[in-house]
Amino acid sequence: MHDNNIHECHYQVNAPYPPVRVDGPNPVYADEMLSNMGDVVSEMSDITRYFYIAVVAKPQFGAIATCFHHISIVEMHHLNIFAELALQLGADPRLWCGRTRKRWWSPSFISYPCEICDLIAESIEAEKAAIRKYTRQANTICDKNIVTILNRIILDEKRHIRIFREMYEQLQCL
C-alpha cells in the first residue's frame, strides 16, 4: 500500500514556546527533567523511535517517513528544552535518570516492530505515556515557568497523536 492519501503532516502546534527559565535550583524538579530526557518514557526514546520509523518506512511509505522525520525534530527541540531546564535546576543534563542511582538511557527502552501499523500503534502509546507523565508533572511542580513549558509541549504531543491516528486509519490498520 502506498501513502498517496496521507495528508500533509503539520507536526507541531502553531504557538510559541515559553522562555526556558526556572525560579531557581531544585534537585527534585531537575530529576523530573532528566527523566523527561532519558528515561523509558522520554524525548530520547521518542527521537530514536521516530528516527527508526522514518528510515524503515521510507521505501514504501515516503510521506509517513517524512512526517516521522519532522516529528523527531520536534522531539529533539523538546529534549533540548528539558536539558536546559535540568541545567538551570542544577543537574548535569546527561541522558540519565534516577535520583540516587543513575540509569543511562538505552536503545533497549524502545521496541522495533516490523510492521508499519505496529510502529504507528507503538508511537501512539508512547505519546499517550508522555502526555500522562508531563500532565502529572505540571500538576505537581510549583514553578510556573516549568508548568507553562510542560503544557506547551503537551500540545505538540497531542498533535502527534492526532497525526499518528490519522495515519493508522488511512492505512486501514484497524
N, C-alpha and C. Protein backbone atom coordinates (compact mmCIF):
# COMPACT_ATOMS: atom_id res chain seq x y z
N MET A 1 0.85 -1.18 0.00
CA MET A 1 0.00 0.00 0.00
C MET A 1 0.88 1.24 0.00
N HIS A 2 0.54 2.19 -0.81
CA HIS A 2 1.29 3.44 -0.84
C HIS A 2 0.54 4.49 -0.04
N ASP A 3 1.24 5.56 0.28
CA ASP A 3 0.66 6.55 1.19
C ASP A 3 0.30 7.83 0.47
N ASN A 4 -0.18 7.74 -0.75
CA ASN A 4 -0.51 8.93 -1.52
C ASN A 4 -1.61 9.76 -0.86
N ASN A 5 -2.46 9.14 -0.07
CA ASN A 5 -3.56 9.89 0.53
C ASN A 5 -3.29 10.33 1.96
N ILE A 6 -2.06 10.17 2.44
CA ILE A 6 -1.72 10.70 3.76
C ILE A 6 -1.63 12.22 3.63
N HIS A 7 -2.34 12.93 4.46
CA HIS A 7 -2.36 14.39 4.40
C HIS A 7 -1.02 14.96 4.83
N GLU A 8 -0.81 16.21 4.43
CA GLU A 8 0.41 16.89 4.84
C GLU A 8 0.52 16.86 6.36
N CYS A 9 1.71 16.66 6.83
CA CYS A 9 1.95 16.49 8.26
C CYS A 9 2.26 17.85 8.91
N HIS A 10 1.34 18.35 9.70
CA HIS A 10 1.58 19.57 10.48
C HIS A 10 2.05 19.10 11.85
N TYR A 11 3.34 19.01 12.03
CA TYR A 11 3.97 18.24 13.09
C TYR A 11 4.10 18.95 14.42
N GLN A 12 3.77 20.22 14.49
CA GLN A 12 3.77 20.89 15.79
C GLN A 12 2.68 21.94 15.80
N VAL A 13 2.28 22.32 17.00
CA VAL A 13 1.25 23.33 17.19
C VAL A 13 1.84 24.68 16.81
N ASN A 14 1.04 25.49 16.17
CA ASN A 14 1.49 26.82 15.76
C ASN A 14 1.32 27.80 16.93
N ALA A 15 2.20 27.65 17.91
CA ALA A 15 2.20 28.52 19.09
C ALA A 15 3.64 28.60 19.58
N PRO A 16 4.07 29.75 20.05
CA PRO A 16 5.46 29.87 20.51
C PRO A 16 5.70 29.06 21.78
N TYR A 17 6.95 28.68 21.95
CA TYR A 17 7.35 28.03 23.20
C TYR A 17 7.67 29.13 24.21
N PRO A 18 7.31 28.90 25.47
CA PRO A 18 7.65 29.89 26.51
C PRO A 18 9.16 29.95 26.70
N PRO A 19 9.66 31.03 27.29
CA PRO A 19 11.09 31.11 27.59
C PRO A 19 11.50 29.97 28.53
N VAL A 20 12.70 29.46 28.32
CA VAL A 20 13.22 28.39 29.15
C VAL A 20 13.92 29.03 30.35
N ARG A 21 13.20 29.03 31.46
CA ARG A 21 13.75 29.61 32.70
C ARG A 21 13.05 28.95 33.88
N VAL A 22 13.71 29.05 35.02
CA VAL A 22 13.19 28.45 36.25
C VAL A 22 13.28 29.49 37.37
N ASP A 23 12.55 29.22 38.46
CA ASP A 23 12.61 30.11 39.62
C ASP A 23 13.95 30.01 40.33
N GLY A 24 14.58 28.85 40.29
CA GLY A 24 15.87 28.64 40.93
C GLY A 24 16.20 27.17 40.98
N PRO A 25 17.39 26.83 41.44
CA PRO A 25 17.78 25.42 41.52
C PRO A 25 16.80 24.60 42.35
N ASN A 26 16.56 23.37 41.90
CA ASN A 26 15.66 22.48 42.60
C ASN A 26 15.99 21.06 42.18
N PRO A 27 16.63 20.29 43.05
CA PRO A 27 17.06 18.94 42.65
C PRO A 27 15.90 18.00 42.32
N VAL A 28 14.75 18.17 42.95
CA VAL A 28 13.60 17.31 42.66
C VAL A 28 13.09 17.58 41.24
N TYR A 29 12.92 18.83 40.91
CA TYR A 29 12.46 19.19 39.57
C TYR A 29 13.52 18.83 38.53
N ALA A 30 14.79 18.99 38.88
CA ALA A 30 15.87 18.61 37.96
C ALA A 30 15.78 17.13 37.61
N ASP A 31 15.51 16.30 38.60
CA ASP A 31 15.37 14.86 38.34
C ASP A 31 14.19 14.58 37.40
N GLU A 32 13.12 15.32 37.55
CA GLU A 32 11.98 15.15 36.65
C GLU A 32 12.37 15.50 35.22
N MET A 33 13.13 16.58 35.04
CA MET A 33 13.54 16.98 33.70
C MET A 33 14.51 15.96 33.10
N LEU A 34 15.41 15.41 33.93
CA LEU A 34 16.31 14.36 33.45
C LEU A 34 15.51 13.13 33.01
N SER A 35 14.47 12.82 33.75
CA SER A 35 13.59 11.71 33.37
C SER A 35 12.93 11.97 32.02
N ASN A 36 12.53 13.21 31.79
CA ASN A 36 11.91 13.57 30.51
C ASN A 36 12.91 13.46 29.36
N MET A 37 14.17 13.59 29.69
CA MET A 37 15.22 13.47 28.67
C MET A 37 15.59 12.03 28.37
N GLY A 38 15.81 11.21 29.43
CA GLY A 38 16.46 9.94 29.20
C GLY A 38 15.92 8.73 29.92
N ASP A 39 14.65 8.71 30.24
CA ASP A 39 14.04 7.53 30.86
C ASP A 39 13.35 6.72 29.76
N VAL A 40 12.66 5.66 30.16
CA VAL A 40 11.93 4.85 29.18
C VAL A 40 10.93 5.72 28.43
N VAL A 41 10.09 6.44 29.17
CA VAL A 41 9.18 7.42 28.57
C VAL A 41 9.94 8.73 28.56
N SER A 42 10.51 9.07 27.41
CA SER A 42 11.34 10.27 27.32
C SER A 42 11.44 10.75 25.89
N GLU A 43 11.94 11.95 25.77
CA GLU A 43 12.15 12.52 24.45
C GLU A 43 13.20 11.73 23.67
N MET A 44 14.24 11.26 24.33
CA MET A 44 15.26 10.49 23.63
C MET A 44 14.68 9.19 23.07
N SER A 45 13.82 8.55 23.84
CA SER A 45 13.17 7.34 23.34
C SER A 45 12.31 7.64 22.12
N ASP A 46 11.58 8.75 22.16
CA ASP A 46 10.74 9.10 21.02
C ASP A 46 11.57 9.49 19.81
N ILE A 47 12.63 10.25 20.01
CA ILE A 47 13.50 10.62 18.89
C ILE A 47 14.04 9.37 18.21
N THR A 48 14.52 8.44 18.99
CA THR A 48 15.09 7.21 18.45
C THR A 48 14.03 6.40 17.72
N ARG A 49 12.86 6.26 18.33
CA ARG A 49 11.75 5.52 17.73
C ARG A 49 11.38 6.14 16.38
N TYR A 50 11.21 7.45 16.34
CA TYR A 50 10.74 8.11 15.13
C TYR A 50 11.83 8.15 14.05
N PHE A 51 13.08 8.24 14.46
CA PHE A 51 14.20 8.14 13.52
C PHE A 51 14.16 6.77 12.83
N TYR A 52 14.02 5.73 13.65
CA TYR A 52 13.96 4.37 13.12
C TYR A 52 12.80 4.21 12.14
N ILE A 53 11.63 4.67 12.54
CA ILE A 53 10.45 4.54 11.68
C ILE A 53 10.65 5.31 10.37
N ALA A 54 11.22 6.51 10.45
CA ALA A 54 11.46 7.30 9.24
C ALA A 54 12.35 6.54 8.25
N VAL A 55 13.33 5.83 8.77
CA VAL A 55 14.25 5.09 7.89
C VAL A 55 13.57 3.86 7.30
N VAL A 56 12.93 3.05 8.14
CA VAL A 56 12.38 1.78 7.63
C VAL A 56 11.09 1.98 6.83
N ALA A 57 10.37 3.06 7.06
CA ALA A 57 9.12 3.30 6.33
C ALA A 57 9.36 3.94 4.96
N LYS A 58 10.50 4.56 4.78
CA LYS A 58 10.74 5.36 3.58
C LYS A 58 10.55 4.61 2.26
N PRO A 59 11.04 3.38 2.11
CA PRO A 59 10.88 2.72 0.80
C PRO A 59 9.43 2.55 0.35
N GLN A 60 8.53 2.26 1.27
CA GLN A 60 7.15 2.00 0.88
C GLN A 60 6.19 3.13 1.27
N PHE A 61 6.54 3.89 2.29
CA PHE A 61 5.64 4.91 2.84
C PHE A 61 6.39 6.23 2.98
N GLY A 62 6.75 6.83 1.86
CA GLY A 62 7.58 8.03 1.87
C GLY A 62 7.01 9.20 2.66
N ALA A 63 5.72 9.47 2.50
CA ALA A 63 5.11 10.60 3.21
C ALA A 63 5.09 10.34 4.72
N ILE A 64 4.82 9.12 5.09
CA ILE A 64 4.83 8.76 6.52
C ILE A 64 6.24 8.90 7.07
N ALA A 65 7.23 8.44 6.33
CA ALA A 65 8.63 8.56 6.76
C ALA A 65 9.01 10.02 6.95
N THR A 66 8.62 10.86 6.02
CA THR A 66 8.92 12.29 6.12
C THR A 66 8.27 12.90 7.35
N CYS A 67 7.04 12.52 7.60
CA CYS A 67 6.32 13.02 8.77
C CYS A 67 7.02 12.60 10.07
N PHE A 68 7.40 11.33 10.16
CA PHE A 68 8.11 10.87 11.35
C PHE A 68 9.45 11.60 11.51
N HIS A 69 10.10 11.86 10.41
CA HIS A 69 11.36 12.61 10.47
C HIS A 69 11.12 13.99 11.08
N HIS A 70 10.11 14.69 10.59
CA HIS A 70 9.83 16.03 11.11
C HIS A 70 9.39 15.99 12.57
N ILE A 71 8.61 14.99 12.93
CA ILE A 71 8.20 14.87 14.33
C ILE A 71 9.41 14.58 15.22
N SER A 72 10.36 13.82 14.72
CA SER A 72 11.58 13.56 15.53
C SER A 72 12.33 14.86 15.79
N ILE A 73 12.29 15.79 14.85
CA ILE A 73 12.94 17.09 15.05
C ILE A 73 12.23 17.89 16.13
N VAL A 74 10.90 17.83 16.15
CA VAL A 74 10.14 18.49 17.21
C VAL A 74 10.53 17.88 18.57
N GLU A 75 10.65 16.56 18.61
CA GLU A 75 11.03 15.90 19.86
C GLU A 75 12.46 16.29 20.26
N MET A 76 13.34 16.52 19.29
CA MET A 76 14.69 17.00 19.61
C MET A 76 14.63 18.37 20.26
N HIS A 77 13.72 19.20 19.79
CA HIS A 77 13.55 20.52 20.41
C HIS A 77 13.07 20.36 21.85
N HIS A 78 12.14 19.44 22.08
CA HIS A 78 11.68 19.18 23.45
C HIS A 78 12.85 18.69 24.31
N LEU A 79 13.66 17.79 23.77
CA LEU A 79 14.83 17.29 24.51
C LEU A 79 15.74 18.43 24.91
N ASN A 80 15.98 19.34 23.99
CA ASN A 80 16.83 20.49 24.28
C ASN A 80 16.23 21.36 25.39
N ILE A 81 14.93 21.58 25.32
CA ILE A 81 14.26 22.38 26.37
C ILE A 81 14.43 21.72 27.73
N PHE A 82 14.18 20.41 27.81
CA PHE A 82 14.32 19.72 29.09
C PHE A 82 15.77 19.73 29.57
N ALA A 83 16.73 19.64 28.66
CA ALA A 83 18.15 19.71 29.05
C ALA A 83 18.48 21.08 29.62
N GLU A 84 18.00 22.13 28.98
CA GLU A 84 18.25 23.48 29.50
C GLU A 84 17.60 23.66 30.87
N LEU A 85 16.39 23.16 31.03
CA LEU A 85 15.71 23.24 32.33
C LEU A 85 16.51 22.48 33.40
N ALA A 86 16.94 21.26 33.07
CA ALA A 86 17.70 20.45 34.03
C ALA A 86 18.96 21.20 34.45
N LEU A 87 19.65 21.79 33.50
CA LEU A 87 20.87 22.54 33.82
C LEU A 87 20.55 23.72 34.74
N GLN A 88 19.53 24.48 34.40
CA GLN A 88 19.15 25.63 35.24
C GLN A 88 18.70 25.20 36.63
N LEU A 89 18.15 24.01 36.72
CA LEU A 89 17.68 23.49 38.01
C LEU A 89 18.82 22.89 38.83
N GLY A 90 20.01 22.78 38.24
CA GLY A 90 21.18 22.31 38.98
C GLY A 90 21.67 20.93 38.64
N ALA A 91 21.17 20.32 37.57
CA ALA A 91 21.58 18.96 37.20
C ALA A 91 22.53 18.99 36.00
N ASP A 92 23.31 17.94 35.89
CA ASP A 92 24.13 17.71 34.71
C ASP A 92 23.21 17.07 33.67
N PRO A 93 22.93 17.75 32.55
CA PRO A 93 21.92 17.27 31.60
C PRO A 93 22.41 16.14 30.69
N ARG A 94 22.79 15.05 31.30
CA ARG A 94 23.16 13.86 30.54
C ARG A 94 21.92 13.01 30.32
N LEU A 95 22.03 12.03 29.44
CA LEU A 95 20.89 11.15 29.16
C LEU A 95 20.87 10.04 30.20
N TRP A 96 20.45 10.43 31.40
CA TRP A 96 20.34 9.51 32.50
C TRP A 96 19.21 9.97 33.41
N CYS A 97 18.79 9.11 34.28
CA CYS A 97 17.74 9.48 35.22
C CYS A 97 17.94 8.68 36.50
N GLY A 98 17.22 9.05 37.52
CA GLY A 98 17.34 8.39 38.81
C GLY A 98 18.00 9.30 39.82
N ARG A 99 17.39 9.43 40.94
CA ARG A 99 17.88 10.38 41.94
C ARG A 99 19.17 9.89 42.61
N THR A 100 19.17 8.73 43.17
CA THR A 100 20.35 8.27 43.91
C THR A 100 21.26 7.41 43.06
N ARG A 101 20.67 6.58 42.24
CA ARG A 101 21.46 5.71 41.36
C ARG A 101 21.08 6.03 39.92
N LYS A 102 22.02 6.57 39.19
CA LYS A 102 21.75 7.00 37.82
C LYS A 102 21.64 5.80 36.88
N ARG A 103 20.65 5.86 35.99
CA ARG A 103 20.47 4.85 34.97
C ARG A 103 20.55 5.57 33.62
N TRP A 104 21.48 5.12 32.79
CA TRP A 104 21.69 5.73 31.49
C TRP A 104 20.57 5.35 30.53
N TRP A 105 20.22 6.27 29.62
CA TRP A 105 19.27 5.96 28.58
C TRP A 105 19.84 4.84 27.72
N SER A 106 18.97 3.98 27.22
CA SER A 106 19.40 2.85 26.40
C SER A 106 18.46 2.65 25.22
N PRO A 107 18.99 2.26 24.07
CA PRO A 107 18.11 1.94 22.94
C PRO A 107 17.21 0.74 23.22
N SER A 108 17.52 0.00 24.26
CA SER A 108 16.64 -1.13 24.62
C SER A 108 15.33 -0.63 25.23
N PHE A 109 15.21 0.66 25.50
CA PHE A 109 13.97 1.22 26.04
C PHE A 109 12.85 1.21 25.02
N ILE A 110 13.18 1.06 23.75
CA ILE A 110 12.13 1.02 22.73
C ILE A 110 12.15 -0.34 22.06
N SER A 111 11.00 -0.70 21.46
CA SER A 111 10.95 -1.94 20.69
C SER A 111 11.03 -1.58 19.22
N TYR A 112 11.24 -2.56 18.41
CA TYR A 112 11.41 -2.33 16.99
C TYR A 112 10.48 -3.25 16.20
N PRO A 113 9.16 -2.98 16.22
CA PRO A 113 8.24 -3.81 15.44
C PRO A 113 8.57 -3.70 13.95
N CYS A 114 8.16 -4.68 13.20
CA CYS A 114 8.49 -4.72 11.76
C CYS A 114 7.37 -4.19 10.87
N GLU A 115 6.15 -4.21 11.34
CA GLU A 115 5.01 -3.79 10.52
C GLU A 115 4.68 -2.32 10.77
N ILE A 116 4.34 -1.61 9.70
CA ILE A 116 4.06 -0.18 9.81
C ILE A 116 2.92 0.11 10.79
N CYS A 117 1.88 -0.71 10.79
CA CYS A 117 0.76 -0.47 11.71
C CYS A 117 1.20 -0.63 13.16
N ASP A 118 2.06 -1.60 13.43
CA ASP A 118 2.57 -1.79 14.79
C ASP A 118 3.47 -0.62 15.20
N LEU A 119 4.25 -0.11 14.26
CA LEU A 119 5.12 1.03 14.55
C LEU A 119 4.29 2.26 14.90
N ILE A 120 3.23 2.48 14.15
CA ILE A 120 2.37 3.63 14.41
C ILE A 120 1.62 3.44 15.73
N ALA A 121 1.11 2.24 15.98
CA ALA A 121 0.39 1.99 17.24
C ALA A 121 1.31 2.21 18.44
N GLU A 122 2.55 1.75 18.34
CA GLU A 122 3.51 1.97 19.43
C GLU A 122 3.77 3.47 19.62
N SER A 123 3.82 4.21 18.54
CA SER A 123 4.05 5.66 18.62
C SER A 123 2.89 6.36 19.31
N ILE A 124 1.68 5.93 19.03
CA ILE A 124 0.51 6.49 19.70
C ILE A 124 0.61 6.25 21.20
N GLU A 125 0.94 5.04 21.59
CA GLU A 125 1.06 4.71 23.02
C GLU A 125 2.18 5.50 23.68
N ALA A 126 3.28 5.69 22.97
CA ALA A 126 4.40 6.46 23.53
C ALA A 126 3.99 7.91 23.78
N GLU A 127 3.25 8.49 22.85
CA GLU A 127 2.79 9.87 23.03
C GLU A 127 1.79 9.98 24.18
N LYS A 128 0.91 8.99 24.31
CA LYS A 128 -0.04 8.98 25.43
C LYS A 128 0.71 8.92 26.76
N ALA A 129 1.74 8.08 26.82
CA ALA A 129 2.52 7.96 28.06
C ALA A 129 3.23 9.27 28.38
N ALA A 130 3.75 9.94 27.36
CA ALA A 130 4.42 11.23 27.59
C ALA A 130 3.42 12.26 28.12
N ILE A 131 2.24 12.29 27.54
CA ILE A 131 1.22 13.25 27.99
C ILE A 131 0.85 12.98 29.44
N ARG A 132 0.66 11.70 29.79
CA ARG A 132 0.34 11.38 31.20
C ARG A 132 1.47 11.85 32.12
N LYS A 133 2.70 11.59 31.74
CA LYS A 133 3.86 11.97 32.56
C LYS A 133 3.96 13.49 32.70
N TYR A 134 3.87 14.20 31.59
CA TYR A 134 4.02 15.66 31.64
C TYR A 134 2.84 16.32 32.35
N THR A 135 1.65 15.74 32.22
CA THR A 135 0.48 16.26 32.94
C THR A 135 0.66 16.07 34.44
N ARG A 136 1.14 14.90 34.84
CA ARG A 136 1.41 14.67 36.27
C ARG A 136 2.41 15.69 36.78
N GLN A 137 3.47 15.91 36.02
CA GLN A 137 4.48 16.87 36.43
C GLN A 137 3.89 18.29 36.51
N ALA A 138 3.11 18.67 35.52
CA ALA A 138 2.51 20.01 35.52
C ALA A 138 1.57 20.20 36.71
N ASN A 139 0.98 19.12 37.19
CA ASN A 139 0.07 19.19 38.33
C ASN A 139 0.80 19.16 39.67
N THR A 140 2.07 18.81 39.68
CA THR A 140 2.80 18.70 40.96
C THR A 140 3.94 19.70 41.10
N ILE A 141 4.46 20.20 39.99
CA ILE A 141 5.57 21.17 40.04
C ILE A 141 5.00 22.55 40.34
N CYS A 142 5.66 23.26 41.25
CA CYS A 142 5.18 24.58 41.67
C CYS A 142 5.86 25.75 40.96
N ASP A 143 6.80 25.49 40.07
CA ASP A 143 7.46 26.53 39.29
C ASP A 143 6.63 26.78 38.04
N LYS A 144 5.98 27.94 37.99
CA LYS A 144 5.07 28.25 36.88
C LYS A 144 5.77 28.28 35.53
N ASN A 145 7.05 28.61 35.51
CA ASN A 145 7.81 28.60 34.26
C ASN A 145 7.84 27.19 33.68
N ILE A 146 8.15 26.22 34.51
CA ILE A 146 8.24 24.82 34.06
C ILE A 146 6.86 24.31 33.67
N VAL A 147 5.86 24.64 34.45
CA VAL A 147 4.49 24.19 34.16
C VAL A 147 4.04 24.72 32.80
N THR A 148 4.33 25.97 32.52
CA THR A 148 3.95 26.57 31.23
C THR A 148 4.63 25.85 30.08
N ILE A 149 5.90 25.53 30.25
CA ILE A 149 6.64 24.80 29.22
C ILE A 149 6.06 23.40 29.03
N LEU A 150 5.81 22.69 30.14
CA LEU A 150 5.22 21.35 30.05
C LEU A 150 3.89 21.39 29.30
N ASN A 151 3.06 22.35 29.63
CA ASN A 151 1.75 22.45 28.97
C ASN A 151 1.89 22.75 27.49
N ARG A 152 2.90 23.53 27.11
CA ARG A 152 3.12 23.80 25.68
C ARG A 152 3.59 22.53 24.96
N ILE A 153 4.49 21.78 25.58
CA ILE A 153 4.98 20.55 24.98
C ILE A 153 3.86 19.52 24.86
N ILE A 154 2.97 19.47 25.84
CA ILE A 154 1.82 18.57 25.78
C ILE A 154 0.99 18.85 24.52
N LEU A 155 0.86 20.09 24.14
CA LEU A 155 0.10 20.42 22.92
C LEU A 155 0.72 19.75 21.69
N ASP A 156 2.05 19.77 21.60
CA ASP A 156 2.71 19.08 20.48
C ASP A 156 2.46 17.58 20.54
N GLU A 157 2.55 17.01 21.73
CA GLU A 157 2.36 15.56 21.87
C GLU A 157 0.93 15.16 21.47
N LYS A 158 -0.03 15.98 21.82
CA LYS A 158 -1.41 15.71 21.41
C LYS A 158 -1.55 15.80 19.90
N ARG A 159 -0.87 16.76 19.30
CA ARG A 159 -0.88 16.87 17.84
C ARG A 159 -0.31 15.61 17.21
N HIS A 160 0.77 15.10 17.79
CA HIS A 160 1.39 13.88 17.25
C HIS A 160 0.43 12.70 17.31
N ILE A 161 -0.32 12.58 18.39
CA ILE A 161 -1.31 11.50 18.48
C ILE A 161 -2.33 11.62 17.35
N ARG A 162 -2.82 12.82 17.09
CA ARG A 162 -3.80 13.01 16.01
C ARG A 162 -3.20 12.60 14.66
N ILE A 163 -1.97 12.98 14.43
CA ILE A 163 -1.30 12.62 13.17
C ILE A 163 -1.16 11.11 13.05
N PHE A 164 -0.71 10.48 14.13
CA PHE A 164 -0.49 9.03 14.08
C PHE A 164 -1.82 8.28 13.93
N ARG A 165 -2.85 8.76 14.59
CA ARG A 165 -4.16 8.11 14.44
C ARG A 165 -4.67 8.23 13.01
N GLU A 166 -4.46 9.40 12.39
CA GLU A 166 -4.87 9.58 11.01
C GLU A 166 -4.10 8.61 10.10
N MET A 167 -2.80 8.47 10.32
CA MET A 167 -2.01 7.51 9.55
C MET A 167 -2.57 6.10 9.71
N TYR A 168 -2.82 5.74 10.96
CA TYR A 168 -3.31 4.41 11.29
C TYR A 168 -4.61 4.11 10.56
N GLU A 169 -5.53 5.08 10.60
CA GLU A 169 -6.83 4.91 9.94
C GLU A 169 -6.68 4.86 8.43
N GLN A 170 -5.86 5.73 7.85
CA GLN A 170 -5.70 5.77 6.41
C GLN A 170 -5.02 4.52 5.86
N LEU A 171 -4.19 3.92 6.68
CA LEU A 171 -3.55 2.67 6.26
C LEU A 171 -4.47 1.46 6.53
N GLN A 172 -5.62 1.74 7.09
CA GLN A 172 -6.61 0.71 7.42
C GLN A 172 -6.01 -0.36 8.31
N CYS A 173 -5.36 0.12 9.36
CA CYS A 173 -4.74 -0.80 10.33
C CYS A 173 -5.76 -1.38 11.30
N LEU A 174 -6.94 -0.84 11.32
CA LEU A 174 -7.94 -1.26 12.29
C LEU A 174 -8.37 -2.69 12.09
